Amino acid sequence: MKVFISRAIPPAGLQVLEEATGLEIDYNQRDEGLSKAGLIGRASRAEGLLCLLTDKIDAEVLAGCPNLKVVSNMAVGYNNIEVAEATRRGILVTNTPGVLSESTADLTWALLLAVARRLGEGERMVRAGEWHGWGPLQLLGGEVNGKTLGLIGMGRIGQAVARRAAGFNMKVIYFNRSKLDQALETELKATRVGLDELIAESDFVSLHAPYTQETHHLIDGEMLARMRPEAYLINTSRGPLVDEAALVAVLKNNRIGGAGLDVYEQEPLLYPGLRELDNVVLAPHLGSATHQTRGEMSRLAATNLVMGLRGERPLHPVNPEVLEG
């Protein structure tokens, strides 16, 4: 069976595919995505596709690859794939949850601390040769210890972020579709609240919800206006959760303390004006970017693909109804 890998991936995944019998592997070894036409051209005869969140697997791509049986996404989220269309065509979709929770939680805290303590501004000052010594009013930032952390979304990543908050003596509140088990709430010292209450009470609002039609622009101008003037917004989930136009307006007017972003609405493009603001820390989608995590994501994506092509139930099916049909 033919397999196409849409972009350069860590070697752990390649090893899984190379050791599997009966696979003919085509591999885009460049560390950049293909155009839609390029993707269809390379994957048109493939039964298996290992893709990344930068690949838009829509109805046109699926129609152009009529032999596809499995699409394995090397990511937790899968909003880059039209899952309903894949299901209609009997194509199994898989993802790689769980393995990147800790690294993404670490990055969340890196952004939180960086924006609160104005590390980006400070580093730019030092590199530009504009730092002339310590001053009592220089780059005063926000306190982290003892503040309130509001988590929107309390899955694996949200929980990992909450665990780290204990080291900063923070009060943790969360908004989630379902309430956590009482024992887990006690362990995390977290309290479930409504979204409006979370926005109004949090010193730090951190996003960990999946991207769906319902969560598109969940943080819009109205929500941003309800945040405390000294509060910070952190997003390591998906860019479209935030209305970037509204965020730029709020940051320009210093209506909130600042923002730390790892994801964007139209990656890799930034909304006009965002890049020029000092009160935002901008990271290039680094949430899972450690050797260990990306290697494990690669291995898991390849394993899902091989299992699906063999007719076995993969470790993480997104649309398991295809298996039942």
Protein backbone atom coordinates (compact mmCIF):
# COMPACT_ATOMS: atom_id res chain seq x y z
CA MET A 1 0.00 0.00 0.00
CA LYS A 2 1.13 3.51 -0.80
CA VAL A 3 1.69 6.03 1.98
CA PHE A 4 2.43 9.74 1.60
CA ILE A 5 4.04 11.88 4.32
CA SER A 6 3.21 15.52 3.63
CA ARG A 7 6.14 17.20 5.37
CA ALA A 8 9.44 16.50 7.13
CA ILE A 9 8.83 14.75 10.47
CA PRO A 10 11.10 13.47 13.26
CA PRO A 11 12.79 10.13 12.49
CA ALA A 12 10.82 8.09 15.05
CA GLY A 13 7.75 8.11 12.79
CA LEU A 14 9.75 7.27 9.70
CA GLN A 15 11.25 4.28 11.47
CA VAL A 16 7.78 2.92 12.31
CA LEU A 17 6.71 3.19 8.67
CA GLU A 18 9.95 1.78 7.28
CA GLU A 19 9.71 -1.25 9.58
CA ALA A 20 6.10 -1.96 8.59
CA THR A 21 5.82 -4.54 5.83
CA GLY A 22 4.00 -3.91 2.59
CA LEU A 23 4.24 -0.11 2.52
CA GLU A 24 5.52 2.01 -0.34
CA ILE A 25 6.51 5.36 1.19
CA ASP A 26 6.57 8.72 -0.58
CA TYR A 27 7.97 11.50 1.59
CA ASN A 28 8.06 15.27 1.21
CA GLN A 29 11.35 15.78 3.04
CA ARG A 30 11.15 19.58 2.96
CA ASP A 31 10.22 21.36 6.19
CA GLU A 32 7.45 23.30 4.52
CA GLY A 33 3.96 22.40 3.49
CA LEU A 34 2.77 21.73 -0.04
CA SER A 35 0.16 23.70 -1.93
CA LYS A 36 -3.23 22.06 -2.25
CA ALA A 37 -2.45 21.06 -5.82
CA GLY A 38 0.93 19.73 -4.75
CA LEU A 39 -0.61 17.73 -1.94
CA ILE A 40 -3.21 16.18 -4.22
CA GLY A 41 -0.58 15.43 -6.83
CA ARG A 42 1.66 13.57 -4.40
CA ALA A 43 -1.11 11.79 -2.47
CA SER A 44 -3.51 11.04 -5.32
CA ARG A 45 -2.67 7.31 -5.40
CA ALA A 46 -2.02 6.85 -1.67
CA GLU A 47 -4.06 4.66 0.67
CA GLY A 48 -2.52 6.32 3.71
CA LEU A 49 -1.72 9.99 4.39
CA LEU A 50 0.34 11.25 7.33
CA CYS A 51 -0.31 14.99 7.50
CA LEU A 52 0.20 17.93 9.82
CA LEU A 53 -2.06 20.71 11.06
CA THR A 54 -0.60 22.97 8.35
CA ASP A 55 -2.25 20.74 5.72
CA LYS A 56 -5.83 21.59 4.83
CA ILE A 57 -7.50 18.26 4.15
CA ASP A 58 -10.80 19.44 2.75
CA ALA A 59 -13.38 17.90 0.42
CA GLU A 60 -11.33 18.82 -2.66
CA VAL A 61 -8.24 17.05 -1.34
CA LEU A 62 -10.22 13.99 -0.28
CA ALA A 63 -11.90 13.82 -3.69
CA GLY A 64 -8.52 14.10 -5.37
CA CYS A 65 -7.19 11.15 -3.37
CA PRO A 66 -9.82 8.47 -4.08
CA ASN A 67 -7.77 5.58 -2.69
CA LEU A 68 -7.38 7.02 0.80
CA LYS A 69 -8.28 4.74 3.67
CA VAL A 70 -6.55 6.53 6.57
CA VAL A 71 -5.59 10.14 7.28
CA SER A 72 -3.26 10.33 10.29
CA ASN A 73 -2.89 13.85 11.68
CA MET A 74 0.31 14.55 13.62
CA ALA A 75 -1.50 16.88 16.02
CA VAL A 76 -4.05 16.84 18.81
CA GLY A 77 -6.45 19.15 17.03
CA TYR A 78 -7.94 18.16 13.69
CA ASN A 79 -9.81 21.26 12.57
CA ASN A 80 -7.55 21.20 9.50
CA ILE A 81 -9.44 18.11 8.32
CA GLU A 82 -13.05 17.96 7.13
CA VAL A 83 -13.83 14.97 9.31
CA ALA A 84 -17.49 14.75 8.27
CA GLU A 85 -16.48 14.48 4.62
CA ALA A 86 -13.82 11.90 5.45
CA THR A 87 -16.40 9.88 7.38
CA ARG A 88 -18.84 10.09 4.46
CA ARG A 89 -16.16 8.63 2.24
CA GLY A 90 -15.30 5.89 4.75
CA ILE A 91 -11.86 7.37 5.49
CA LEU A 92 -10.53 6.87 9.00
CA VAL A 93 -9.02 9.97 10.69
CA THR A 94 -6.63 9.74 13.64
CA ASN A 95 -4.78 12.20 15.87
CA THR A 96 -2.05 12.28 18.55
CA PRO A 97 -3.50 13.40 21.90
CA GLY A 98 -1.86 13.11 25.30
CA VAL A 99 1.79 13.17 24.30
CA LEU A 100 2.14 16.96 24.09
CA SER A 101 0.27 17.99 27.24
CA GLU A 102 3.32 18.63 29.41
CA SER A 103 5.40 20.47 26.80
CA THR A 104 2.44 22.70 25.88
CA ALA A 105 1.80 23.42 29.55
CA ASP A 106 5.44 24.42 29.94
CA LEU A 107 5.16 26.78 26.98
CA THR A 108 1.97 28.25 28.44
CA TRP A 109 3.87 29.14 31.57
CA ALA A 110 6.79 30.50 29.58
CA LEU A 111 4.43 32.92 27.83
CA LEU A 112 2.60 33.78 31.04
CA LEU A 113 5.80 34.68 32.86
CA ALA A 114 7.33 36.43 29.86
CA VAL A 115 4.40 38.79 29.30
CA ALA A 116 3.80 39.47 33.00
CA ARG A 117 7.46 40.29 33.67
CA ARG A 118 7.99 42.03 30.31
CA LEU A 119 10.87 39.77 29.32
CA GLY A 120 10.40 40.37 25.60
CA GLU A 121 10.69 44.11 26.04
CA GLY A 122 13.69 43.69 28.31
CA GLU A 123 15.55 41.42 25.92
CA ARG A 124 14.92 43.76 23.00
CA MET A 125 16.26 46.64 25.11
CA VAL A 126 19.44 44.75 26.00
CA ARG A 127 20.06 43.51 22.44
CA ALA A 128 19.57 47.02 21.05
CA GLY A 129 22.17 48.42 23.44
CA GLU A 130 19.53 50.61 25.06
CA TRP A 131 19.88 49.29 28.61
CA HIS A 132 21.88 51.69 30.75
CA GLY A 133 21.60 50.00 34.10
CA TRP A 134 19.11 49.17 36.82
CA GLY A 135 16.34 51.65 37.60
CA PRO A 136 13.57 51.52 40.21
CA LEU A 137 10.83 52.26 37.64
CA GLN A 138 12.26 50.23 34.79
CA LEU A 139 9.91 47.75 33.06
CA LEU A 140 7.65 47.22 36.03
CA GLY A 141 5.46 44.20 35.36
CA GLY A 142 2.68 42.17 36.91
CA GLU A 143 2.88 39.87 39.92
CA VAL A 144 2.25 36.18 39.34
CA ASN A 145 2.48 34.67 42.80
CA GLY A 146 -0.86 34.52 44.59
CA LYS A 147 -2.92 35.70 41.62
CA THR A 148 -5.97 34.07 40.00
CA LEU A 149 -5.48 31.83 36.99
CA GLY A 150 -8.54 31.22 34.82
CA LEU A 151 -8.39 28.21 32.50
CA ILE A 152 -10.83 27.98 29.60
CA GLY A 153 -10.83 24.28 28.79
CA MET A 154 -9.77 21.68 31.34
CA GLY A 155 -8.58 18.71 29.34
CA ARG A 156 -5.12 17.20 29.65
CA ILE A 157 -3.28 20.43 28.85
CA GLY A 158 -5.45 22.60 31.06
CA GLN A 159 -4.92 20.18 33.93
CA ALA A 160 -1.16 20.20 33.37
CA VAL A 161 -1.18 24.00 33.48
CA ALA A 162 -3.24 23.92 36.70
CA ARG A 163 -0.74 21.59 38.38
CA ARG A 164 2.06 24.06 37.73
CA ALA A 165 0.02 26.88 39.28
CA ALA A 166 0.45 25.33 42.73
CA GLY A 167 4.10 26.41 42.70
CA PHE A 168 2.97 30.02 42.39
CA ASN A 169 0.31 29.82 45.13
CA MET A 170 -2.36 30.75 42.61
CA LYS A 171 -6.08 30.43 42.88
CA VAL A 172 -7.25 28.28 39.94
CA ILE A 173 -10.69 28.59 38.41
CA TYR A 174 -11.83 26.93 35.21
CA PHE A 175 -14.60 26.92 32.63
CA ASN A 176 -15.35 23.61 30.95
CA ARG A 177 -18.34 21.91 29.35
CA SER A 178 -18.30 19.28 32.07
CA LYS A 179 -17.25 19.38 35.69
CA LEU A 180 -14.13 17.50 36.67
CA ASP A 181 -14.35 14.59 39.05
CA GLN A 182 -14.34 15.91 42.63
CA ALA A 183 -11.12 14.08 43.48
CA LEU A 184 -9.36 15.68 40.50
CA GLU A 185 -10.73 19.12 41.37
CA THR A 186 -9.36 18.66 44.89
CA GLU A 187 -5.98 17.53 43.57
CA LEU A 188 -5.73 20.53 41.25
CA LYS A 189 -7.27 22.92 43.80
CA ALA A 190 -9.49 24.14 40.96
CA THR A 191 -13.04 25.46 41.04
CA ARG A 192 -15.45 25.38 38.10
CA VAL A 193 -17.14 28.70 37.33
CA GLY A 194 -19.12 30.27 34.50
CA LEU A 195 -17.29 31.92 31.62
CA ASP A 196 -18.38 35.44 32.56
CA GLU A 197 -17.19 34.94 36.14
CA LEU A 198 -13.87 33.56 34.97
CA ILE A 199 -13.26 36.50 32.64
CA ALA A 200 -14.13 39.02 35.34
CA GLU A 201 -12.10 37.46 38.16
CA SER A 202 -8.94 36.17 36.50
CA ASP A 203 -5.59 37.90 36.52
CA PHE A 204 -4.48 35.48 33.82
CA VAL A 205 -6.88 33.94 31.28
CA SER A 206 -5.35 30.91 29.55
CA LEU A 207 -7.04 29.18 26.61
CA HIS A 208 -7.03 25.39 26.30
CA ALA A 209 -10.30 24.70 24.49
CA PRO A 210 -10.57 22.91 21.13
CA TYR A 211 -11.45 24.94 18.07
CA THR A 212 -14.99 24.36 16.84
CA GLN A 213 -17.74 26.47 15.29
CA GLU A 214 -18.95 27.17 18.82
CA THR A 215 -15.56 28.37 20.07
CA HIS A 216 -14.73 30.55 17.05
CA HIS A 217 -13.87 34.02 18.45
CA LEU A 218 -14.82 32.85 21.92
CA ILE A 219 -12.66 35.72 23.14
CA ASP A 220 -14.10 38.65 21.23
CA GLY A 221 -14.21 42.37 21.89
CA GLU A 222 -16.98 42.01 24.45
CA MET A 223 -15.07 39.38 26.43
CA LEU A 224 -11.84 41.37 26.27
CA ALA A 225 -13.68 44.44 27.57
CA ARG A 226 -14.76 42.44 30.63
CA MET A 227 -11.21 41.46 31.58
CA ARG A 228 -9.46 43.27 34.39
CA PRO A 229 -7.35 46.21 33.19
CA GLU A 230 -4.22 44.52 34.57
CA ALA A 231 -5.11 40.99 33.36
CA TYR A 232 -3.25 38.97 30.73
CA LEU A 233 -4.52 36.68 27.96
CA ILE A 234 -2.54 33.54 27.05
CA ASN A 235 -3.34 31.39 24.01
CA THR A 236 -1.54 28.13 23.28
CA SER A 237 -4.64 26.38 21.91
CA ARG A 238 -5.88 27.54 18.49
CA GLY A 239 -5.63 31.01 16.99
CA PRO A 240 -9.26 31.46 15.90
CA LEU A 241 -10.44 31.21 19.52
CA VAL A 242 -9.44 34.88 19.71
CA ASP A 243 -10.70 37.76 17.59
CA GLU A 244 -7.28 39.20 16.76
CA ALA A 245 -8.70 42.48 15.45
CA ALA A 246 -10.39 43.07 18.80
CA LEU A 247 -7.27 41.98 20.68
CA VAL A 248 -5.05 44.42 18.78
CA ALA A 249 -7.47 47.26 19.56
CA VAL A 250 -7.52 46.38 23.26
CA LEU A 251 -3.74 46.06 23.48
CA LYS A 252 -3.16 49.33 21.62
CA ASN A 253 -5.33 51.12 24.16
CA ASN A 254 -3.73 49.27 27.11
CA ARG A 255 -7.14 48.01 28.18
CA ILE A 256 -5.54 44.81 29.52
CA GLY A 257 -2.07 44.12 30.85
CA GLY A 258 -0.92 42.18 27.80
CA ALA A 259 -1.08 38.90 25.92
CA GLY A 260 1.10 35.88 25.22
CA LEU A 261 0.34 34.11 21.93
CA ASP A 262 1.68 30.91 20.41
CA VAL A 263 -1.09 30.50 17.83
CA TYR A 264 -2.81 32.86 15.38
CA GLU A 265 -5.95 33.16 13.30
CA GLN A 266 -4.22 32.99 9.91
CA GLU A 267 -0.88 31.33 10.63
CA PRO A 268 1.78 32.30 9.80
CA LEU A 269 0.23 35.71 9.08
CA LEU A 270 -0.31 38.15 11.94
CA TYR A 271 -3.15 40.64 12.17
CA PRO A 272 -1.92 44.12 11.17
CA GLY A 273 -0.48 45.98 14.13
CA LEU A 274 0.08 42.96 16.35
CA ARG A 275 3.79 42.66 15.59
CA GLU A 276 4.45 46.29 16.57
CA LEU A 277 2.95 46.05 20.06
CA ASP A 278 5.25 45.81 23.08
CA ASN A 279 2.62 44.40 25.44
CA VAL A 280 2.32 41.07 23.62
CA VAL A 281 4.76 38.15 23.49
CA LEU A 282 4.65 36.36 20.14
CA ALA A 283 5.89 32.78 19.75
CA PRO A 284 5.95 30.79 16.45
CA HIS A 285 3.66 27.90 17.47
CA LEU A 286 6.15 26.22 19.79
CA GLY A 287 3.72 24.43 22.13
CA SER A 288 4.90 20.90 21.38
CA ALA A 289 8.35 21.86 20.09
CA THR A 290 10.66 19.65 22.12
CA HIS A 291 12.73 16.79 20.73
CA GLN A 292 10.95 14.28 22.95
CA THR A 293 7.40 15.44 22.31
CA ARG A 294 7.64 15.90 18.55
CA GLY A 295 9.39 12.54 18.28
CA GLU A 296 6.58 10.85 20.18
CA MET A 297 3.93 12.63 18.10
CA SER A 298 5.68 11.39 14.96
CA ARG A 299 5.84 7.83 16.26
CA LEU A 300 2.20 7.85 17.35
CA ALA A 301 0.97 9.32 14.04
CA ALA A 302 2.86 6.64 12.12
CA THR A 303 1.58 3.88 14.42
CA ASN A 304 -2.01 5.07 13.96
CA LEU A 305 -1.51 5.04 10.20
CA VAL A 306 -0.05 1.53 10.09
CA MET A 307 -2.74 0.11 12.37
CA GLY A 308 -5.50 1.72 10.34
CA LEU A 309 -4.14 0.41 7.05
CA ARG A 310 -3.95 -3.09 8.54
CA GLY A 311 -7.62 -2.93 9.43
CA GLU A 312 -6.86 -2.69 13.14
CA ARG A 313 -8.34 -0.13 15.51
CA PRO A 314 -5.72 2.65 15.81
CA LEU A 315 -4.74 4.06 19.17
CA HIS A 316 -6.58 7.35 18.62
CA PRO A 317 -9.38 7.31 16.04
CA VAL A 318 -11.22 10.61 15.57
CA ASN A 319 -14.17 9.06 13.71
CA PRO A 320 -14.42 5.49 15.05
CA GLU A 321 -17.80 5.07 13.39
CA VAL A 322 -15.89 4.37 10.17
CA LEU A 323 -14.50 1.24 11.81
CA GLU A 324 -17.95 0.14 12.90
CA GLY A 325 -19.38 0.65 9.41
